[in-house]
Protein backbone atom coordinates (compact mmCIF):
# COMPACT_ATOMS: atom_id res chain seq x y z
CA MET A 1 31.98 79.61 99.58
CA GLY A 2 33.98 78.72 102.66
CA SER A 3 34.72 75.34 104.13
CA ARG A 4 32.19 73.31 106.13
CA MET A 5 34.04 74.31 109.28
CA GLU A 6 33.54 78.02 108.45
CA THR A 7 29.87 77.44 107.59
CA PHE A 8 29.27 75.73 110.93
CA GLU A 9 30.98 78.63 112.71
CA GLN A 10 28.84 81.26 110.95
CA ILE A 11 25.63 79.34 111.67
CA ARG A 12 26.47 79.19 115.35
CA ARG A 13 27.35 82.91 115.42
CA ASP A 14 24.12 83.96 113.63
CA ARG A 15 22.07 81.86 116.03
CA ASP A 16 23.86 83.35 119.04
CA ARG A 17 23.67 87.00 117.84
CA GLU A 18 20.33 87.11 116.02
CA GLY A 19 18.43 84.14 117.40
CA LEU A 20 17.39 83.00 113.90
CA SER A 21 15.30 79.89 113.42
CA ILE A 22 16.63 76.70 111.89
CA ARG A 23 14.70 77.37 108.65
CA ALA A 24 16.07 80.94 108.43
CA LEU A 25 19.62 79.78 109.05
CA ALA A 26 19.28 77.08 106.39
CA GLU A 27 18.03 79.61 103.82
CA ARG A 28 20.72 82.17 104.69
CA HIS A 29 23.60 79.74 104.37
CA GLY A 30 22.15 77.56 101.63
CA VAL A 31 22.35 74.27 103.57
CA HIS A 32 19.90 71.63 104.65
CA ARG A 33 18.11 72.03 107.97
CA ARG A 34 19.81 68.80 109.08
CA ALA A 35 23.21 70.53 108.71
CA VAL A 36 21.97 73.48 110.79
CA ARG A 37 20.92 71.14 113.58
CA GLN A 38 24.36 69.49 113.47
CA ALA A 39 26.10 72.87 113.67
CA LEU A 40 24.04 73.93 116.68
CA VAL A 41 24.98 70.73 118.53
CA VAL A 42 28.74 70.52 117.80
CA ALA A 43 31.30 73.03 116.48
CA VAL A 44 33.18 70.45 114.39
CA PRO A 45 31.35 69.03 111.34
CA PRO A 46 31.05 65.22 111.38
CA ALA A 47 33.20 63.33 108.87
CA LYS A 48 31.51 62.59 105.60
CA ARG A 49 30.59 58.98 105.13
CA ARG A 50 32.36 57.30 102.25
CA PRO A 51 29.77 56.42 99.61
CA ALA A 52 29.52 52.72 98.90
CA GLY A 53 30.60 51.50 95.51
CA ARG A 54 32.61 54.50 94.24
CA PRO A 55 32.78 54.45 90.43
CA ALA A 56 36.62 54.74 90.01
CA PRO A 57 36.36 55.09 86.19
CA LYS A 58 40.12 54.66 85.55
CA LEU A 59 40.07 51.31 87.33
CA GLY A 60 37.01 50.11 85.46
CA PRO A 61 38.74 48.43 82.48
CA TYR A 62 41.03 46.51 84.85
CA ARG A 63 38.53 45.16 87.38
CA GLU A 64 38.13 41.84 85.61
CA LEU A 65 41.89 41.53 85.17
CA ILE A 66 42.48 42.14 88.90
CA ASP A 67 39.76 39.62 89.76
CA SER A 68 41.43 37.05 87.49
CA TRP A 69 44.76 37.58 89.26
CA LEU A 70 43.10 37.17 92.65
CA ASP A 71 41.30 34.06 91.43
CA GLY A 72 44.59 32.68 90.10
CA ASP A 73 46.13 33.14 93.54
CA ARG A 74 43.94 30.31 94.78
CA ASP A 75 46.17 27.84 92.90
CA ALA A 76 49.44 29.71 93.56
CA PRO A 77 51.63 28.95 96.60
CA ARG A 78 50.26 30.69 99.68
CA LYS A 79 53.34 32.91 100.03
CA GLN A 80 53.46 33.84 96.34
CA ARG A 81 50.12 35.54 96.01
CA HIS A 82 49.45 39.10 94.93
CA THR A 83 49.44 42.00 97.34
CA ALA A 84 47.56 45.19 96.45
CA LYS A 85 50.86 46.94 95.75
CA ARG A 86 52.07 44.14 93.48
CA ILE A 87 48.80 44.31 91.54
CA TRP A 88 49.23 48.07 91.13
CA GLU A 89 52.83 47.58 89.95
CA ARG A 90 51.79 44.98 87.38
CA LEU A 91 49.01 47.23 86.08
CA ARG A 92 51.54 50.02 85.51
CA GLU A 93 54.37 47.86 84.14
CA GLU A 94 52.41 45.41 81.98
CA HIS A 95 49.35 47.44 80.97
CA ALA A 96 50.47 51.09 81.34
CA ALA A 97 47.45 51.72 83.54
CA ASP A 98 47.01 55.30 84.77
CA VAL A 99 45.42 54.44 88.09
CA ALA A 100 46.30 55.49 91.64
CA GLU A 101 47.79 52.98 94.07
CA ARG A 102 45.18 53.98 96.68
CA THR A 103 42.37 53.16 94.25
CA VAL A 104 43.81 49.70 93.67
CA ARG A 105 44.36 49.16 97.39
CA GLU A 106 40.74 50.07 98.18
CA TYR A 107 39.40 47.78 95.49
CA VAL A 108 41.60 44.84 96.53
CA HIS A 109 40.77 45.48 100.19
CA ASP A 110 37.05 45.24 99.44
CA ARG A 111 37.54 42.09 97.41
CA ARG A 112 39.70 40.51 100.11
CA ALA A 113 37.21 41.47 102.81
CA GLU A 114 34.68 39.19 101.13
CA ARG A 115 37.11 36.30 101.74
CA GLY A 116 37.75 37.19 105.37
CA GLU A 117 41.47 37.84 104.95
CA GLY A 118 43.15 39.88 107.71
CA VAL A 119 46.10 42.28 107.75
CA GLN A 120 49.46 41.23 109.20
CA ALA A 121 51.09 43.71 111.61
CA PHE A 122 54.76 44.25 112.56
CA VAL A 123 56.59 46.06 115.38
CA PRO A 124 59.06 48.74 114.14
CA GLN A 125 62.67 48.43 115.33
CA VAL A 126 65.72 50.73 115.50
CA HIS A 127 69.23 49.45 114.66
CA GLY A 128 72.66 51.05 114.45
CA ALA A 129 74.35 51.38 111.06
CA GLY A 130 76.72 48.54 110.15
CA VAL A 131 76.08 46.69 113.40
CA GLU A 132 73.92 43.71 112.58
CA ALA A 133 72.09 41.72 109.94
CA GLU A 134 69.58 38.88 109.98
CA VAL A 135 69.62 35.60 108.06
CA ASP A 136 66.79 33.27 107.12
CA TRP A 137 65.61 30.75 104.52
CA GLY A 138 62.44 30.94 102.45
CA GLU A 139 60.80 28.72 99.85
CA ALA A 140 59.24 29.39 96.47
CA GLN A 141 57.95 27.58 93.44
CA VAL A 142 59.23 28.24 89.93
CA ALA A 143 58.71 26.83 86.46
CA MET A 144 62.17 25.57 85.51
CA ALA A 145 62.88 24.05 82.11
CA GLY A 146 59.16 23.49 81.56
CA SER A 147 58.32 21.79 84.87
CA ALA A 148 57.39 22.94 88.37
CA ALA A 149 60.24 23.03 90.88
CA ARG A 150 60.69 24.11 94.48
CA VAL A 151 63.68 26.30 95.32
CA TYR A 152 65.04 27.53 98.64
CA LEU A 153 65.83 31.22 99.04
CA PHE A 154 68.67 32.40 101.26
CA HIS A 155 68.21 35.94 102.61
CA MET A 156 70.57 38.25 104.48
CA ARG A 157 69.13 41.66 105.45
CA ALA A 158 70.93 44.67 106.92
CA CYS A 159 68.91 45.70 109.98
CA HIS A 160 69.71 49.43 109.69
CA SER A 161 69.29 50.21 105.98
CA GLY A 162 67.04 47.35 104.93
CA ALA A 163 69.38 46.41 102.05
CA ALA A 164 68.97 42.69 101.39
CA PHE A 165 70.69 39.94 99.43
CA ALA A 166 68.82 36.89 98.15
CA MET A 167 69.99 33.75 96.38
CA ALA A 168 68.24 30.53 95.27
CA PHE A 169 69.41 26.96 95.83
CA PRO A 170 67.82 23.63 94.99
CA HIS A 171 68.15 22.64 98.66
CA CYS A 172 68.88 24.32 102.00
CA SER A 173 71.88 22.18 102.92
CA GLN A 174 74.75 23.30 105.11
CA GLN A 175 76.95 23.71 102.05
CA ALA A 176 74.39 25.98 100.40
CA PHE A 177 74.05 27.91 103.66
CA LEU A 178 77.81 28.54 103.90
CA GLU A 179 78.24 29.30 100.19
CA ALA A 180 75.39 31.83 100.33
CA HIS A 181 77.18 33.70 103.14
CA VAL A 182 80.24 34.14 100.94
CA HIS A 183 78.17 35.56 98.07
CA ALA A 184 76.19 37.78 100.45
CA PHE A 185 79.31 39.33 102.01
CA ASP A 186 80.69 39.96 98.52
CA TRP A 187 77.47 41.72 97.51
CA PHE A 188 77.36 43.87 100.63
CA GLY A 189 81.05 44.67 100.24
CA GLY A 190 81.82 43.93 103.88
CA VAL A 191 80.89 41.96 107.00
CA PHE A 192 78.42 42.91 109.72
CA GLY A 193 79.56 42.75 113.33
CA LEU A 194 76.66 40.50 114.35
CA LEU A 195 74.48 38.07 112.41
CA ARG A 196 71.23 36.85 113.93
CA TYR A 197 69.86 33.39 113.07
CA ASP A 198 67.12 31.08 114.15
CA ASN A 199 68.18 27.58 115.15
CA LEU A 200 69.18 26.28 111.71
CA ALA A 201 70.60 22.78 111.58
CA SER A 202 73.24 24.15 109.21
CA ALA A 203 74.72 26.16 112.09
CA VAL A 204 73.51 24.52 115.31
CA LYS A 205 74.14 20.95 116.38
CA GLN A 206 72.40 21.24 119.75
CA VAL A 207 70.22 23.84 121.50
CA LEU A 208 71.16 24.30 125.16
CA ARG A 209 69.58 26.35 127.93
CA GLY A 210 68.87 30.01 127.14
CA ARG A 211 70.87 31.22 124.11
CA ARG A 212 73.70 28.71 124.42
CA ARG A 213 74.25 26.52 121.35
CA VAL A 214 76.62 23.79 120.21
CA GLU A 215 77.60 25.00 116.74
CA THR A 216 78.83 22.96 113.79
CA ASP A 217 82.55 22.98 112.99
CA ARG A 218 82.07 24.26 109.44
CA PHE A 219 79.92 27.13 110.66
CA ILE A 220 82.52 28.05 113.25
CA ALA A 221 85.20 27.98 110.52
CA LEU A 222 83.14 30.38 108.37
CA ARG A 223 82.57 32.72 111.32
CA SER A 224 86.27 32.59 112.18
CA HIS A 225 87.23 33.43 108.59
CA TYR A 226 85.06 36.57 108.50
CA LEU A 227 85.38 37.37 112.25
CA TYR A 228 81.77 38.21 113.01
CA GLU A 229 79.59 37.33 116.02
CA SER A 230 76.50 35.13 115.83
CA GLN A 231 73.32 35.15 117.89
CA PHE A 232 70.44 32.68 117.85
CA THR A 233 66.80 33.38 118.56
CA THR A 234 64.70 31.74 121.24
CA PRO A 235 63.38 28.39 119.96
CA GLY A 236 59.79 28.19 118.80
CA ILE A 237 57.17 30.86 118.24
CA GLU A 238 58.47 32.94 121.16
CA GLY A 239 61.57 33.85 119.16
CA ALA A 240 59.80 34.74 115.91
CA HIS A 241 59.80 38.48 116.70
CA GLU A 242 63.56 38.53 117.33
CA LYS A 243 64.39 38.67 113.63
CA GLY A 244 61.17 40.02 112.21
CA GLY A 245 63.01 42.21 109.69
CA VAL A 246 64.33 39.34 107.59
CA GLU A 247 61.14 37.33 107.99
CA GLY A 248 59.22 40.24 106.55
CA GLU A 249 61.87 40.60 103.82
CA VAL A 250 61.45 36.94 102.80
CA GLY A 251 57.77 37.52 102.17
CA ARG A 252 58.24 40.92 100.53
CA PHE A 253 60.92 39.67 98.14
CA ARG A 254 58.85 36.63 97.21
CA ARG A 255 55.76 38.73 96.51
CA ARG A 256 57.74 41.31 94.53
CA HIS A 257 59.91 39.00 92.42
CA PHE A 258 58.11 35.63 92.43
CA VAL A 259 54.63 36.84 91.52
CA PRO A 260 53.67 35.66 88.99
CA VAL A 261 55.62 32.41 89.32
CA PRO A 262 58.93 32.86 87.42
CA ASP A 263 59.50 30.79 84.27
CA VAL A 264 63.25 30.16 83.84
CA SER A 265 65.47 27.72 82.01
CA SER A 266 67.97 27.11 84.82
CA LEU A 267 68.91 27.95 88.37
CA GLY A 268 71.61 30.26 87.03
CA GLU A 269 69.02 32.33 85.14
CA LEU A 270 66.86 32.51 88.27
CA ASN A 271 69.76 33.77 90.38
CA ALA A 272 70.64 36.36 87.75
CA ARG A 273 67.07 37.66 87.97
CA MET A 274 67.20 37.66 91.75
CA LEU A 275 70.49 39.58 91.80
CA ALA A 276 68.97 42.19 89.49
CA GLY A 277 66.00 42.32 91.87
CA CYS A 278 68.29 42.96 94.85
CA GLU A 279 69.88 45.86 92.99
CA SER A 280 66.55 47.36 91.90
CA ASP A 281 65.18 47.09 95.45
CA LEU A 282 67.83 49.56 96.61
CA SER A 283 65.71 52.30 95.04
CA ARG A 284 62.63 51.49 97.11
CA ARG A 285 61.65 53.52 100.15
CA ILE A 286 60.62 51.82 103.38
CA THR A 287 57.44 53.30 104.84
CA GLY A 288 58.20 56.07 107.30
CA ARG A 289 61.74 56.75 106.06
CA GLN A 290 62.95 59.77 104.12
CA GLU A 291 65.88 57.98 102.43
CA THR A 292 65.73 55.16 99.93
CA VAL A 293 67.24 51.83 100.95
CA GLY A 294 70.21 52.48 98.66
CA GLU A 295 70.89 55.93 100.12
CA SER A 296 70.79 54.54 103.64
CA PHE A 297 73.04 51.62 102.72
CA ALA A 298 75.55 53.99 101.09
CA ARG A 299 76.08 55.47 104.57
CA GLU A 300 76.16 52.04 106.18
CA ARG A 301 78.60 50.29 103.84
CA PRO A 302 81.77 52.15 105.01
CA LEU A 303 81.01 51.01 108.58
CA LEU A 304 81.15 47.31 107.72
CA ARG A 305 84.18 45.20 108.51
CA GLY A 306 86.42 44.80 105.46
CA LEU A 307 86.42 41.53 103.53
CA PRO A 308 89.39 39.18 104.09
CA ALA A 309 91.98 38.84 101.32
CA GLU A 310 90.57 35.47 100.23
CA ARG A 311 87.03 34.14 100.09
CA ALA A 312 86.18 31.37 102.51
CA SER A 313 86.31 27.89 100.97
CA THR A 314 82.95 26.16 101.41
CA ALA A 315 83.30 23.37 98.85
CA ASP A 316 83.87 19.66 99.58
CA GLU A 317 86.90 17.97 98.05
CA ALA A 318 87.04 14.60 96.31
CA THR A 319 89.47 12.62 94.08
CA PRO A 320 87.31 10.25 92.01
CA ARG A 321 88.69 7.97 89.30
CA VAL A 322 87.47 8.44 85.72
CA ASP A 323 85.70 5.32 84.42
CA SER A 324 85.71 3.82 80.93
CA LYS A 325 82.84 6.11 79.85
CA SER A 326 84.84 9.17 80.90
CA LEU A 327 82.56 9.77 83.88
CA VAL A 328 83.37 10.48 87.53
CA THR A 329 81.00 9.62 90.38
CA ILE A 330 80.45 12.39 92.92
CA LYS A 331 77.76 12.26 95.61
CA GLN A 332 76.07 9.32 93.81
CA ASN A 333 75.80 11.22 90.52
CA ARG A 334 78.10 11.03 87.48
CA TYR A 335 79.71 13.82 85.47
CA SER A 336 81.78 13.74 82.28
CA VAL A 337 85.41 14.81 81.87
CA PRO A 338 87.60 14.73 78.71
CA VAL A 339 88.12 11.18 77.39
CA ARG A 340 91.91 11.52 77.60
CA LEU A 341 91.55 11.23 81.38
CA ALA A 342 89.85 7.81 81.35
CA GLY A 343 91.40 5.61 84.05
CA LEU A 344 93.05 8.55 85.89
CA ARG A 345 92.05 10.40 89.04
CA VAL A 346 90.86 13.99 89.01
CA HIS A 347 90.50 16.50 91.82
CA ALA A 348 86.85 17.56 92.25
CA ARG A 349 85.65 20.66 94.05
CA VAL A 350 82.03 20.06 95.06
CA GLY A 351 80.00 23.21 95.61
CA ALA A 352 76.33 23.64 96.42
CA ARG A 353 75.57 24.59 92.80
CA GLU A 354 78.60 23.55 90.70
CA ILE A 355 81.07 20.73 90.32
CA GLU A 356 84.60 21.63 89.18
CA CYS A 357 87.11 18.97 88.08
CA ARG A 358 90.85 19.59 87.72
CA HIS A 359 93.75 17.46 86.60
CA GLY A 360 97.34 18.53 87.08
CA GLY A 361 96.10 21.93 88.23
CA GLU A 362 94.17 22.47 84.96
CA LEU A 363 90.41 23.04 85.04
CA VAL A 364 89.00 20.28 82.79
CA ALA A 365 85.24 20.30 83.51
CA VAL A 366 82.54 22.42 85.13
CA HIS A 367 79.01 21.07 85.63
CA GLU A 368 75.87 22.25 87.37
CA ARG A 369 75.45 20.01 90.39
CA GLN A 370 72.67 17.44 90.10
CA GLN A 371 70.08 16.82 92.78
CA GLY A 372 68.94 13.36 93.79
CA ARG A 373 70.90 10.23 92.95
CA PHE A 374 72.10 8.21 89.96
CA GLY A 375 71.92 11.06 87.48
CA VAL A 376 74.38 11.57 84.58
CA THR A 377 75.56 14.86 83.09
CA ALA A 378 77.63 14.65 79.91
CA SER A 379 79.27 17.38 77.82
CA LEU A 380 79.61 16.69 74.09
CA ASP A 381 82.93 18.51 73.90
CA HIS A 382 84.49 15.94 76.27
CA TYR A 383 83.91 13.12 73.73
CA LEU A 384 84.89 14.75 70.42
CA GLU A 385 88.35 13.08 70.15
CA LEU A 386 86.75 9.65 70.64
CA LEU A 387 83.88 10.44 68.29
CA ALA A 388 86.38 11.47 65.61
CA ARG A 389 87.47 7.79 65.57
CA LYS A 390 83.93 6.49 66.02
CA PRO A 391 81.67 8.97 64.21
CA GLY A 392 78.77 6.55 64.05
CA ALA A 393 78.29 6.92 67.82
CA LEU A 394 77.47 10.64 67.59
CA ALA A 395 73.79 10.42 66.65
CA GLY A 396 72.82 8.21 69.58
CA SER A 397 75.17 9.65 72.20
CA LEU A 398 73.88 10.74 75.60
CA ALA A 399 75.99 13.88 75.37
CA LEU A 400 74.26 15.00 72.14
CA SER A 401 70.83 14.24 73.63
CA GLN A 402 71.58 16.39 76.67
CA GLU A 403 73.03 19.12 74.45
CA ARG A 404 69.66 19.30 72.69
CA GLU A 405 67.77 19.35 76.02
CA ARG A 406 69.89 22.26 77.26
CA GLY A 407 69.17 24.21 74.08
CA ALA A 408 72.88 24.32 73.23
CA TRP A 409 72.46 22.55 69.87
CA PRO A 410 71.34 25.08 67.20
CA SER A 411 68.72 23.90 64.73
CA VAL A 412 70.98 24.94 61.83
CA PHE A 413 73.39 22.17 62.88
CA ASP A 414 70.69 19.58 62.21
CA GLU A 415 69.90 21.24 58.89
CA LEU A 416 73.56 21.08 57.84
CA TRP A 417 73.85 17.50 59.07
CA GLN A 418 70.86 16.48 56.94
CA LYS A 419 72.25 18.21 53.83
CA ILE A 420 75.67 16.57 54.22
CA THR A 421 74.02 13.17 54.77
CA GLU A 422 72.08 13.53 51.51
CA ARG A 423 75.31 14.39 49.69
CA TYR A 424 77.90 12.08 51.28
CA GLY A 425 76.08 9.50 53.40
CA SER A 426 75.55 9.18 57.17
CA SER A 427 79.07 8.11 58.16
CA GLU A 428 80.86 10.94 56.34
CA ALA A 429 78.20 13.41 57.54
CA ALA A 430 78.83 12.49 61.18
CA ARG A 431 82.59 12.83 60.65
CA GLN A 432 82.20 16.30 59.13
CA MET A 433 79.85 17.41 61.92
CA ILE A 434 82.46 16.41 64.49
CA ASP A 435 84.99 18.55 62.62
CA VAL A 436 82.50 21.43 62.78
CA LEU A 437 82.12 20.94 66.54
CA LEU A 438 85.89 20.93 67.01
CA LEU A 439 86.00 24.41 65.48
CA ALA A 440 84.39 25.74 68.67
CA ARG A 441 87.63 25.07 70.52
CA GLU A 442 89.47 27.70 68.48
CA HIS A 443 86.53 30.02 67.79
CA SER A 444 83.46 31.04 69.74
CA ALA A 445 80.25 29.03 69.48
CA GLY A 446 78.56 32.07 67.96
CA GLU A 447 81.17 32.31 65.18
CA VAL A 448 80.76 28.63 64.32
CA GLU A 449 76.97 28.91 64.25
CA GLN A 450 77.21 31.98 62.02
CA ALA A 451 79.54 30.13 59.66
CA VAL A 452 77.07 27.23 59.44
CA ARG A 453 74.30 29.65 58.53
CA GLY A 454 76.55 31.21 55.90
CA ALA A 455 77.37 27.82 54.36
CA LEU A 456 73.69 26.88 54.18
CA THR A 457 72.80 30.23 52.61
CA ALA A 458 75.52 29.79 49.98
CA GLY A 459 74.45 26.20 49.25
CA ALA A 460 77.88 24.92 50.37
CA HIS A 461 76.73 21.78 52.19
CA ASP A 462 80.13 20.69 53.41
CA GLY A 463 81.96 20.80 56.74
CA ARG A 464 85.08 22.15 55.03
CA ALA A 465 83.13 25.17 53.80
CA VAL A 466 82.12 25.89 57.39
CA ALA A 467 85.78 25.73 58.44
CA VAL A 468 86.75 28.23 55.70
CA LEU A 469 83.94 30.62 56.63
CA THR A 470 84.80 30.37 60.34
CA SER A 471 88.45 31.14 59.62
CA ARG A 472 87.55 34.12 57.42
CA GLY A 473 85.19 35.49 60.03
CA SER A 474 87.91 35.52 62.68
CA ARG A 475 90.52 37.27 60.48
CA ALA A 476 89.30 40.84 60.30
CA VAL A 477 91.42 43.23 58.19
CA PRO A 478 93.04 45.84 60.46
CA ARG A 479 91.25 49.14 60.02
CA GLU A 480 94.50 51.02 59.56
CA LEU A 481 95.22 49.01 56.36
CA ASP A 482 91.82 49.47 54.74
CA ASP A 483 92.87 52.66 52.92
CA LEU A 484 96.42 51.50 52.02
CA PRO A 485 96.05 51.98 48.20
CA LEU A 486 94.87 55.59 48.67
CA ARG A 487 97.67 56.32 51.09
CA LEU A 488 100.26 54.97 48.62
CA GLN A 489 98.86 57.21 45.86
CA GLY A 490 99.18 60.20 48.21
CA LEU A 491 102.90 59.44 48.52
CA GLY A 492 103.34 59.26 44.77
CA ALA A 493 103.82 55.50 44.80
CA PRO A 494 102.13 53.39 42.07
CA PRO A 495 99.30 51.17 43.20
CA PRO A 496 100.39 47.58 43.97
CA THR A 497 100.02 44.96 41.22
CA LEU A 498 100.71 41.24 40.90
CA GLY A 499 101.33 41.34 37.13
CA HIS A 500 105.12 40.79 37.47
CA TYR A 501 104.50 37.35 38.93
CA ASP A 502 103.29 36.21 35.51
CA GLU A 503 106.88 36.45 34.24
CA LEU A 504 107.86 33.65 36.62
CA LEU A 505 105.44 31.18 35.08
CA VAL A 506 107.27 28.39 33.17
CA PRO A 507 105.95 27.81 29.63
CA ALA A 508 104.42 24.43 29.00
CA GLY A 509 107.06 21.96 27.87
CA GLY A 510 109.90 24.26 28.98
CA ALA A 511 112.92 23.33 31.15
CA GLN A 512 112.26 22.49 34.73
C-alpha cells in the first residue's frame, strides 16, 4: 500500500479517466468516502490531527514523579525550576528511564499549559571567534551546612563558542567581581578582546550620556593588567538584548546545575561542583550548530590574547595586631593565628573568599572569609602550644567547638578521649589528646586518624600508643629490601642472625 499522497493521486486519476462515483472509488482504494471527497477537492492530503491524550506507555510510570517535581517547583526559587529538558535528564540519570525527550516535552508542555505559562524567545546572534565575551551576575539558593543560603553567581560567556565560566560568591561585591575575572581568564586560558557588561556598580561609578561611563579605579587597573576593552549596555530594559547570550546562560546554568537545589557543606564544595559543571557543559551542543561547545571553543582558544606573566592582584591588604586571644580583626570579623604571634602585627591579604595571614613572609593562617560582622573563626591547631600548658581549656574551647561544626573532628577522637579519661582522669586525658593533635603537624590527618582507630582496636587506650602507631605507619620498608634474606642466600651468604650479640651480655654480678 502506497502513501496517502499516492492514494490521493490515484483517486484523482481514476475519477478523471473513468468517471467513477465516490462509492466506487472508495471501494477500489479501500478508503472512506470522506477521504475520496477530500482527494477530489485538493491534491495534498490534510495533516492528521494529533489524537488527544496519547497513551505514551513508557512515560506512564513516571507521570506522578514528573507531577511531583512540577508541584515542588512552586516552592523553589522562580529561576531554579525544572525545564522539560531538565526533567528528561533527571529521569535518565536518576531513574534510568527509557523515554524520549520529545515525549517528556509534550507531557510537560500540556501540564504547563494548564497553568498558563508561556515560552521565552531569543534572537540569534553571530560573533567572531575570540573577539568578545559577556559578563553578568545571577542569584541562586542553596542548602549550605544544613541551612538555606543565597549565593551570587558570576558568569563569563564566550560569544562565539558559547563556552562559559561560572563561580559562586556569598556577595556580589567589587572584590568578588574582580577576583572572578582572574579565575575566568585562567579557565579560558586567555583574554577576550572585548568584554560586554551592564552598568554594574563594581565597574561603573557614573553613567553619562550614550555609552560613556566613569569607571572605578580598581576596574580600570584590572582592565589595564589584562589589556582588554570594555563596553557597557544601554541602561534599563532597552539594553537587555545587548548581552542576551550571557543572560540566557545564567538561566540555563542555574536550571541545569541548581535544580534540584544543591545541598553542600561549604562554598568551596559548591564551586568545585560548578567548575565540574562548566567542564561537562563543553560537551553540549547548542541548537542549530553542528559542533559541540567544546569543539568550537578549541578553535577559539588559540585566538585569545595570552595571559600576562602574573595574575592580577585583587585582594585588599591590612596589617592588624594580634590580640591576647590570638585573634586578628579584619573587616569587623576576627580570625585566629598561632599563639606565638600574640601582640605582634601580621600582614593580611583579604580576598573575596579567603583571608591569608603572613608573618615575616611565612604563611601562618588561611581562613574562609566570614560574611556579616562580629564573627569569630578559630583553628584548633593555632592554640595547641598554649593548650599543652593549659590542657583543661581544651574541652570548652571555641576552636574545638568550631572544629566539630566543620566536621574536622573525627568521632574516634572522642572515643579515645573517653577511654583515656576512664583510665587516667580528665586532666591527663586532655594532655594526651593534645599530644595526639600535635602529631598532625608531622603526619597527615588521615594517618593520625588511622592510628587512633588502630589503638582503639588493639585496646591500647593511650596517647603514646597512637604516637607509636603513627610513626610505624609512616616508615614503610623500602620494597627493594623486602627480599634481602633470599638475595643473600642466592649469593651464598648465610642468613643474618643476632645470636652473637648474646656474647656481649655481662653475667650478673660480673665486673662492670
